[in-house]
Amino acid sequence: ASVIIDTAAGNFSSAQTTLDGVLGRQPNHATALYIYSELELARNRFDAALSRAQQAYELDPLSPWINVNLAIVHFWRSEYQPALEAVQNAIRIDNNYTWAYVWQAKIFHRQGQLSAAITSMLQSADIDSASVVNSAYTGLLYMEIGDEEQAEYWFRHTASLLGDTPQARFWQGLQRFTEPQQTTDVARQLMLELPLLDNRIFSLLPLLYQNYLQAGDSEEATRFLQSRIADTAPQVNVHNYRFYAALQALTPLPDNSSKALRRLMTTIGDNAVPLLIYPLLNPAAEQALPDIEGDGWLDYYWLINNTMTASNISERLQYQRQQAALQRQQMLPLKTTSEE
């Protein structure tokens, strides 16, 4: 547990010391190896992360989590076929292991296969419908295909898991909060207090970012983003790169951070595509759109109005709208428990 905490806090040397100690005593400690792969991901050492994950797999190929961990490493390397093979192997080993379905959905999602992603999340919910993260993510996937009715069902289900809390009130009002100039102050306060604002499965940062810009509070947005970066790892990595990208769309980053973000975006391939949302939401940054050639899905494209669309991104947005409509039609036969 201490290694996971150290990695999340950016205390990489401490995490490495602990893991090296374990492996020094037990070189074939599969759990230590897969946790080491997570540390290497946080340090942007993607080849080392894959090596550690593969070592763990070779030692314990029947561990569902080790298979999912291998899939996560492949995911961040934009190696989607081996990532899918790993999560599907985890499901064959334990078909009640919900984390495998969630990462299967993530892999499909990044490739724009949203109907497959939703199907995977519904399978996860059939096993365990009490996960706040999974329920919220399912609702967000429905938003991506434009099915607001099903999205609302899952957001309300998310709220029902949280009792009478500010978190619950956010999910109850999420769709209303995304409408222009709707209860901006209330929505912002709820998002700022939301533990799930940015997590390993999804990020609501584009919604908060849009909220600041709609209110003309770019300076406040800058302060918030800078504070979040200061609280995370001391370098740009897969856990905090969204905050750096959002900040870069508001104000120039220090040269070393800008270069580090560019290197990471090149390395993670399609996973960099969602970062386009920040300059697209900020007309002042439209000319600073990063050159991203990946084919990954642009999350929150539905926040972009036609009048806000930069010419060099309009084809991507048009394609996604068409794909969303098509996949929404494909999902029509699937019913949630709310309709049964």
Protein backbone atom coordinates (compact mmCIF):
# COMPACT_ATOMS: atom_id res chain seq x y z
CA ALA A 1 0.00 0.00 0.00
CA SER A 2 2.84 2.40 0.79
CA VAL A 3 4.27 1.93 -2.71
CA ILE A 4 0.94 2.80 -4.32
CA ILE A 5 0.65 5.91 -2.15
CA ASP A 6 4.24 6.94 -2.91
CA THR A 7 3.71 6.44 -6.64
CA ALA A 8 0.51 8.52 -6.64
CA ALA A 9 2.29 11.28 -4.69
CA GLY A 10 5.29 11.30 -7.00
CA ASN A 11 7.65 9.86 -4.39
CA PHE A 12 9.18 7.59 -6.98
CA SER A 13 12.52 6.99 -5.29
CA SER A 14 10.79 5.84 -2.10
CA ALA A 15 8.50 3.52 -4.08
CA GLN A 16 11.47 2.08 -5.96
CA THR A 17 13.44 1.51 -2.76
CA THR A 18 10.55 -0.46 -1.27
CA LEU A 19 10.02 -2.56 -4.40
CA ASP A 20 13.73 -3.22 -4.86
CA GLY A 21 13.82 -4.42 -1.27
CA VAL A 22 10.98 -6.87 -1.87
CA LEU A 23 12.45 -8.17 -5.12
CA GLY A 24 15.89 -8.42 -3.55
CA ARG A 25 14.45 -10.92 -1.08
CA GLN A 26 11.96 -12.53 -3.48
CA PRO A 27 12.97 -12.03 -7.15
CA ASN A 28 9.87 -13.89 -8.35
CA HIS A 29 7.35 -11.81 -6.40
CA ALA A 30 4.68 -11.37 -9.09
CA THR A 31 2.69 -8.76 -7.17
CA ALA A 32 5.77 -6.59 -6.64
CA LEU A 33 6.58 -6.84 -10.34
CA TYR A 34 3.15 -5.68 -11.51
CA ILE A 35 3.19 -2.83 -8.98
CA TYR A 36 6.66 -1.97 -10.31
CA SER A 37 5.14 -1.73 -13.79
CA GLU A 38 2.70 0.88 -12.45
CA LEU A 39 5.63 2.84 -11.03
CA GLU A 40 7.41 2.69 -14.39
CA LEU A 41 4.29 4.00 -16.13
CA ALA A 42 4.19 6.93 -13.72
CA ARG A 43 7.84 7.62 -14.55
CA ASN A 44 7.10 7.54 -18.31
CA ARG A 45 9.29 4.45 -18.72
CA PHE A 46 6.90 2.60 -20.98
CA ASP A 47 9.31 -0.10 -22.15
CA ALA A 48 10.33 -0.86 -18.56
CA ALA A 49 6.66 -0.94 -17.56
CA LEU A 50 5.92 -3.54 -20.23
CA SER A 51 8.93 -5.60 -19.20
CA ARG A 52 7.82 -5.66 -15.56
CA ALA A 53 4.22 -6.47 -16.49
CA GLN A 54 5.34 -9.33 -18.72
CA GLN A 55 7.60 -10.72 -15.99
CA ALA A 56 4.66 -10.70 -13.59
CA TYR A 57 2.48 -12.45 -16.17
CA GLU A 58 5.07 -15.15 -16.80
CA LEU A 59 5.18 -15.87 -13.07
CA ASP A 60 1.41 -15.87 -12.53
CA PRO A 61 -0.49 -16.11 -15.84
CA LEU A 62 -3.71 -17.12 -14.08
CA SER A 63 -4.01 -13.94 -12.03
CA PRO A 64 -6.87 -11.80 -13.36
CA TRP A 65 -5.32 -8.62 -11.97
CA ILE A 66 -1.90 -9.33 -13.47
CA ASN A 67 -3.58 -9.84 -16.85
CA VAL A 68 -5.46 -6.56 -16.47
CA ASN A 69 -2.26 -4.82 -15.40
CA LEU A 70 -0.60 -6.07 -18.58
CA ALA A 71 -3.59 -4.72 -20.53
CA ILE A 72 -3.24 -1.31 -18.87
CA VAL A 73 0.40 -1.07 -19.92
CA HIS A 74 -0.49 -2.03 -23.49
CA PHE A 75 -3.34 0.51 -23.38
CA TRP A 76 -1.02 3.40 -22.58
CA ARG A 77 1.28 2.26 -25.37
CA SER A 78 -1.72 2.35 -27.78
CA GLU A 79 -1.28 -1.39 -28.35
CA TYR A 80 -4.95 -2.20 -28.32
CA GLN A 81 -5.02 -5.74 -29.69
CA PRO A 82 -2.67 -7.20 -27.05
CA ALA A 83 -4.48 -5.08 -24.46
CA LEU A 84 -7.80 -6.66 -25.44
CA GLU A 85 -6.27 -10.12 -25.43
CA ALA A 86 -5.03 -9.56 -21.89
CA VAL A 87 -8.37 -8.36 -20.48
CA GLN A 88 -10.25 -11.10 -22.27
CA ASN A 89 -7.84 -13.61 -20.79
CA ALA A 90 -8.63 -12.16 -17.36
CA ILE A 91 -12.35 -12.62 -18.06
CA ARG A 92 -11.79 -16.24 -19.11
CA ILE A 93 -9.95 -16.83 -15.82
CA ASP A 94 -12.63 -15.10 -13.70
CA ASN A 95 -15.77 -13.96 -15.49
CA ASN A 96 -16.91 -12.11 -12.37
CA TYR A 97 -13.85 -9.87 -12.27
CA THR A 98 -15.48 -6.51 -13.02
CA TRP A 99 -12.21 -4.58 -13.38
CA ALA A 100 -11.48 -6.58 -16.54
CA TYR A 101 -14.78 -5.50 -18.10
CA VAL A 102 -14.08 -1.87 -17.19
CA TRP A 103 -10.68 -1.89 -18.86
CA GLN A 104 -12.11 -3.74 -21.83
CA ALA A 105 -14.56 -0.85 -22.11
CA LYS A 106 -11.71 1.66 -21.82
CA ILE A 107 -9.85 -0.02 -24.67
CA PHE A 108 -12.94 -0.07 -26.90
CA HIS A 109 -13.74 3.53 -25.93
CA ARG A 110 -10.35 4.85 -26.94
CA GLN A 111 -10.76 3.26 -30.36
CA GLY A 112 -14.20 4.80 -30.82
CA GLN A 113 -16.03 1.48 -30.43
CA LEU A 114 -18.53 2.96 -28.02
CA SER A 115 -21.30 0.41 -28.40
CA ALA A 116 -18.82 -2.34 -27.51
CA ALA A 117 -17.58 -0.27 -24.57
CA ILE A 118 -21.12 0.20 -23.25
CA THR A 119 -21.87 -3.50 -23.67
CA SER A 120 -18.79 -4.31 -21.59
CA MET A 121 -19.87 -1.89 -18.85
CA LEU A 122 -23.38 -3.38 -18.79
CA GLN A 123 -21.79 -6.80 -18.33
CA SER A 124 -19.83 -5.38 -15.42
CA ALA A 125 -23.01 -3.92 -13.92
CA ASP A 126 -24.75 -7.29 -14.18
CA ILE A 127 -22.05 -8.60 -11.83
CA ASP A 128 -21.87 -5.59 -9.52
CA SER A 129 -24.07 -2.53 -9.95
CA ALA A 130 -22.85 -0.82 -6.76
CA SER A 131 -19.66 0.76 -8.11
CA VAL A 132 -19.92 4.55 -8.26
CA VAL A 133 -17.02 4.85 -10.71
CA ASN A 134 -18.36 2.19 -13.05
CA SER A 135 -21.91 3.53 -12.98
CA ALA A 136 -20.74 7.08 -13.70
CA TYR A 137 -18.48 5.89 -16.51
CA THR A 138 -21.38 4.03 -18.11
CA GLY A 139 -23.41 7.23 -18.09
CA LEU A 140 -20.55 9.16 -19.67
CA LEU A 141 -20.26 6.56 -22.42
CA TYR A 142 -23.95 6.99 -23.18
CA MET A 143 -23.34 10.74 -23.41
CA GLU A 144 -20.66 10.04 -26.00
CA ILE A 145 -23.16 8.31 -28.28
CA GLY A 146 -25.78 10.98 -27.62
CA ASP A 147 -28.22 8.81 -25.65
CA GLU A 148 -29.16 11.32 -22.98
CA GLU A 149 -32.00 9.20 -21.62
CA GLN A 150 -29.76 6.25 -20.79
CA ALA A 151 -27.03 8.60 -19.56
CA GLU A 152 -29.53 10.14 -17.15
CA TYR A 153 -30.52 6.71 -15.88
CA TRP A 154 -26.92 5.85 -15.04
CA PHE A 155 -26.16 9.24 -13.52
CA ARG A 156 -29.19 8.92 -11.26
CA HIS A 157 -28.13 5.40 -10.37
CA THR A 158 -24.70 6.82 -9.49
CA ALA A 159 -26.37 9.41 -7.28
CA SER A 160 -28.44 6.72 -5.56
CA LEU A 161 -25.21 5.03 -4.46
CA LEU A 162 -23.99 8.22 -2.78
CA GLY A 163 -26.90 9.06 -0.49
CA ASP A 164 -27.77 12.65 0.36
CA THR A 165 -24.39 14.20 -0.43
CA PRO A 166 -22.98 16.97 -2.64
CA GLN A 167 -21.53 14.22 -4.84
CA ALA A 168 -24.99 12.79 -5.41
CA ARG A 169 -26.37 16.22 -6.27
CA PHE A 170 -23.69 16.68 -8.91
CA TRP A 171 -24.56 13.44 -10.69
CA GLN A 172 -28.27 14.20 -10.47
CA GLY A 173 -27.69 17.51 -12.25
CA LEU A 174 -24.81 16.66 -14.56
CA GLN A 175 -26.68 16.98 -17.85
CA ARG A 176 -28.22 20.27 -16.75
CA PHE A 177 -24.82 21.55 -15.65
CA THR A 178 -23.38 20.96 -19.13
CA GLU A 179 -25.86 23.35 -20.74
CA PRO A 180 -24.44 26.82 -21.47
CA GLN A 181 -24.77 29.29 -18.59
CA GLN A 182 -26.77 26.91 -16.42
CA THR A 183 -26.17 27.21 -12.65
CA THR A 184 -22.49 27.83 -13.29
CA ASP A 185 -21.52 28.62 -9.70
CA VAL A 186 -23.35 25.64 -8.23
CA ALA A 187 -21.92 23.24 -10.80
CA ARG A 188 -18.39 24.50 -10.23
CA GLN A 189 -18.57 24.16 -6.47
CA LEU A 190 -19.91 20.63 -6.75
CA MET A 191 -17.19 19.65 -9.21
CA LEU A 192 -14.42 21.16 -7.10
CA GLU A 193 -15.53 19.00 -4.19
CA LEU A 194 -15.89 15.86 -6.30
CA PRO A 195 -13.42 13.07 -5.42
CA LEU A 196 -13.98 11.54 -8.86
CA LEU A 197 -13.20 14.71 -10.81
CA ASP A 198 -10.19 13.04 -12.41
CA ASN A 199 -9.52 9.35 -11.92
CA ARG A 200 -8.03 6.34 -13.68
CA ILE A 201 -11.23 5.52 -15.54
CA PHE A 202 -12.61 8.91 -16.58
CA SER A 203 -12.05 12.63 -16.18
CA LEU A 204 -14.62 15.39 -15.71
CA LEU A 205 -11.96 18.05 -16.13
CA PRO A 206 -13.34 19.23 -19.52
CA LEU A 207 -16.66 20.05 -17.82
CA LEU A 208 -14.98 22.08 -15.09
CA TYR A 209 -12.71 23.74 -17.64
CA GLN A 210 -15.73 24.73 -19.76
CA ASN A 211 -17.44 26.05 -16.63
CA TYR A 212 -14.55 28.40 -15.88
CA LEU A 213 -14.41 29.67 -19.47
CA GLN A 214 -18.17 30.23 -19.72
CA ALA A 215 -17.93 32.43 -16.64
CA GLY A 216 -14.90 34.27 -18.00
CA ASP A 217 -12.78 33.01 -15.10
CA SER A 218 -9.68 31.93 -16.99
CA GLU A 219 -7.42 33.30 -14.25
CA GLU A 220 -9.24 31.25 -11.63
CA ALA A 221 -9.00 28.21 -13.90
CA THR A 222 -5.26 28.74 -14.20
CA ARG A 223 -4.87 28.90 -10.43
CA PHE A 224 -6.90 25.72 -9.98
CA LEU A 225 -4.90 23.79 -12.57
CA GLN A 226 -1.61 24.96 -11.15
CA SER A 227 -2.69 23.86 -7.69
CA ARG A 228 -3.63 20.39 -8.94
CA ILE A 229 -0.32 19.99 -10.73
CA ALA A 230 1.54 21.01 -7.58
CA ASP A 231 -0.31 18.30 -5.65
CA THR A 232 0.62 15.47 -8.02
CA ALA A 233 3.78 13.91 -9.39
CA PRO A 234 6.75 16.23 -10.03
CA GLN A 235 6.71 15.50 -13.74
CA VAL A 236 4.21 15.20 -16.57
CA ASN A 237 2.86 11.66 -16.63
CA VAL A 238 -0.22 9.62 -17.46
CA HIS A 239 -1.81 10.52 -14.12
CA ASN A 240 -1.66 14.30 -14.47
CA TYR A 241 -1.13 15.09 -18.16
CA ARG A 242 -4.71 16.30 -18.58
CA PHE A 243 -4.08 19.12 -16.10
CA TYR A 244 -0.94 20.17 -17.96
CA ALA A 245 -2.76 20.12 -21.31
CA ALA A 246 -5.66 22.16 -19.94
CA LEU A 247 -3.24 24.66 -18.43
CA GLN A 248 -1.29 24.93 -21.68
CA ALA A 249 -4.50 25.97 -23.45
CA LEU A 250 -4.71 28.94 -21.05
CA THR A 251 -1.12 30.03 -20.54
CA PRO A 252 2.32 28.96 -21.77
CA LEU A 253 3.88 26.17 -19.76
CA PRO A 254 7.48 26.34 -18.58
CA ASP A 255 9.71 25.09 -21.36
CA ASN A 256 10.64 21.85 -19.60
CA SER A 257 6.99 21.00 -18.87
CA SER A 258 5.94 21.84 -22.43
CA LYS A 259 8.60 19.54 -23.86
CA ALA A 260 7.73 16.79 -21.41
CA LEU A 261 4.05 17.01 -22.36
CA ARG A 262 4.92 16.84 -26.05
CA ARG A 263 7.11 13.77 -25.50
CA LEU A 264 4.39 12.04 -23.53
CA MET A 265 1.73 12.85 -26.13
CA THR A 266 3.93 11.33 -28.81
CA THR A 267 4.46 8.20 -26.73
CA ILE A 268 0.84 7.53 -25.77
CA GLY A 269 -0.50 7.92 -29.31
CA ASP A 270 -4.30 7.80 -29.50
CA ASN A 271 -4.53 8.51 -25.77
CA ALA A 272 -3.41 12.07 -26.52
CA VAL A 273 -6.43 12.80 -28.73
CA PRO A 274 -8.75 13.75 -25.82
CA LEU A 275 -6.38 16.61 -24.99
CA LEU A 276 -7.68 18.46 -28.06
CA ILE A 277 -10.81 19.36 -26.11
CA TYR A 278 -9.04 22.06 -24.08
CA PRO A 279 -7.90 24.36 -26.90
CA LEU A 280 -11.18 23.64 -28.70
CA LEU A 281 -13.13 24.92 -25.69
CA ASN A 282 -10.98 28.03 -25.49
CA PRO A 283 -11.34 30.16 -28.65
CA ALA A 284 -8.26 32.14 -27.63
CA ALA A 285 -6.21 28.95 -27.91
CA GLU A 286 -7.66 27.76 -31.21
CA GLN A 287 -4.49 28.61 -33.09
CA ALA A 288 -2.48 26.56 -30.60
CA LEU A 289 -4.15 23.23 -31.35
CA PRO A 290 -1.52 20.53 -30.89
CA ASP A 291 -0.65 18.46 -33.92
CA ILE A 292 -2.17 15.12 -32.96
CA GLU A 293 -2.45 12.58 -35.74
CA GLY A 294 -3.92 9.73 -33.71
CA ASP A 295 -7.26 8.14 -34.56
CA GLY A 296 -8.44 7.87 -30.97
CA TRP A 297 -11.85 9.06 -29.83
CA LEU A 298 -12.12 12.73 -28.82
CA ASP A 299 -14.05 12.67 -25.55
CA TYR A 300 -16.57 15.45 -24.88
CA TYR A 301 -16.73 16.39 -28.56
CA TRP A 302 -20.40 17.14 -27.88
CA LEU A 303 -19.37 20.22 -25.91
CA ILE A 304 -18.07 21.80 -29.12
CA ASN A 305 -20.53 23.91 -31.09
CA ASN A 306 -20.13 24.20 -34.85
CA THR A 307 -19.33 27.89 -34.49
CA MET A 308 -16.45 26.99 -32.18
CA THR A 309 -14.96 24.37 -34.46
CA ALA A 310 -11.47 24.95 -35.79
CA SER A 311 -11.19 24.19 -39.49
CA ASN A 312 -8.46 21.60 -39.06
CA ILE A 313 -10.55 19.57 -36.63
CA SER A 314 -14.00 19.88 -38.20
CA GLU A 315 -13.72 16.62 -40.15
CA ARG A 316 -12.88 14.69 -36.99
CA LEU A 317 -15.88 16.18 -35.17
CA GLN A 318 -18.21 15.48 -38.07
CA TYR A 319 -17.00 11.88 -38.26
CA GLN A 320 -17.52 11.37 -34.53
CA ARG A 321 -21.05 12.76 -34.67
CA GLN A 322 -21.83 10.32 -37.47
CA GLN A 323 -20.28 7.43 -35.56
CA ALA A 324 -22.17 8.37 -32.41
CA ALA A 325 -25.48 8.36 -34.27
CA LEU A 326 -24.70 5.03 -35.90
CA GLN A 327 -23.65 3.37 -32.66
CA ARG A 328 -26.63 4.83 -30.84
CA GLN A 329 -28.85 3.00 -33.32
CA GLN A 330 -26.87 -0.18 -32.74
CA MET A 331 -27.52 0.08 -29.00
CA LEU A 332 -31.30 0.42 -29.29
CA PRO A 333 -32.07 -3.29 -28.68
CA LEU A 334 -30.07 -3.23 -25.43
CA LYS A 335 -32.19 -2.38 -22.39
CA THR A 336 -31.05 -1.42 -18.93
CA THR A 337 -32.78 -2.55 -15.78
CA SER A 338 -34.70 0.72 -15.81
CA GLU A 339 -36.63 -0.45 -18.84
CA GLU A 340 -37.23 -4.05 -17.92
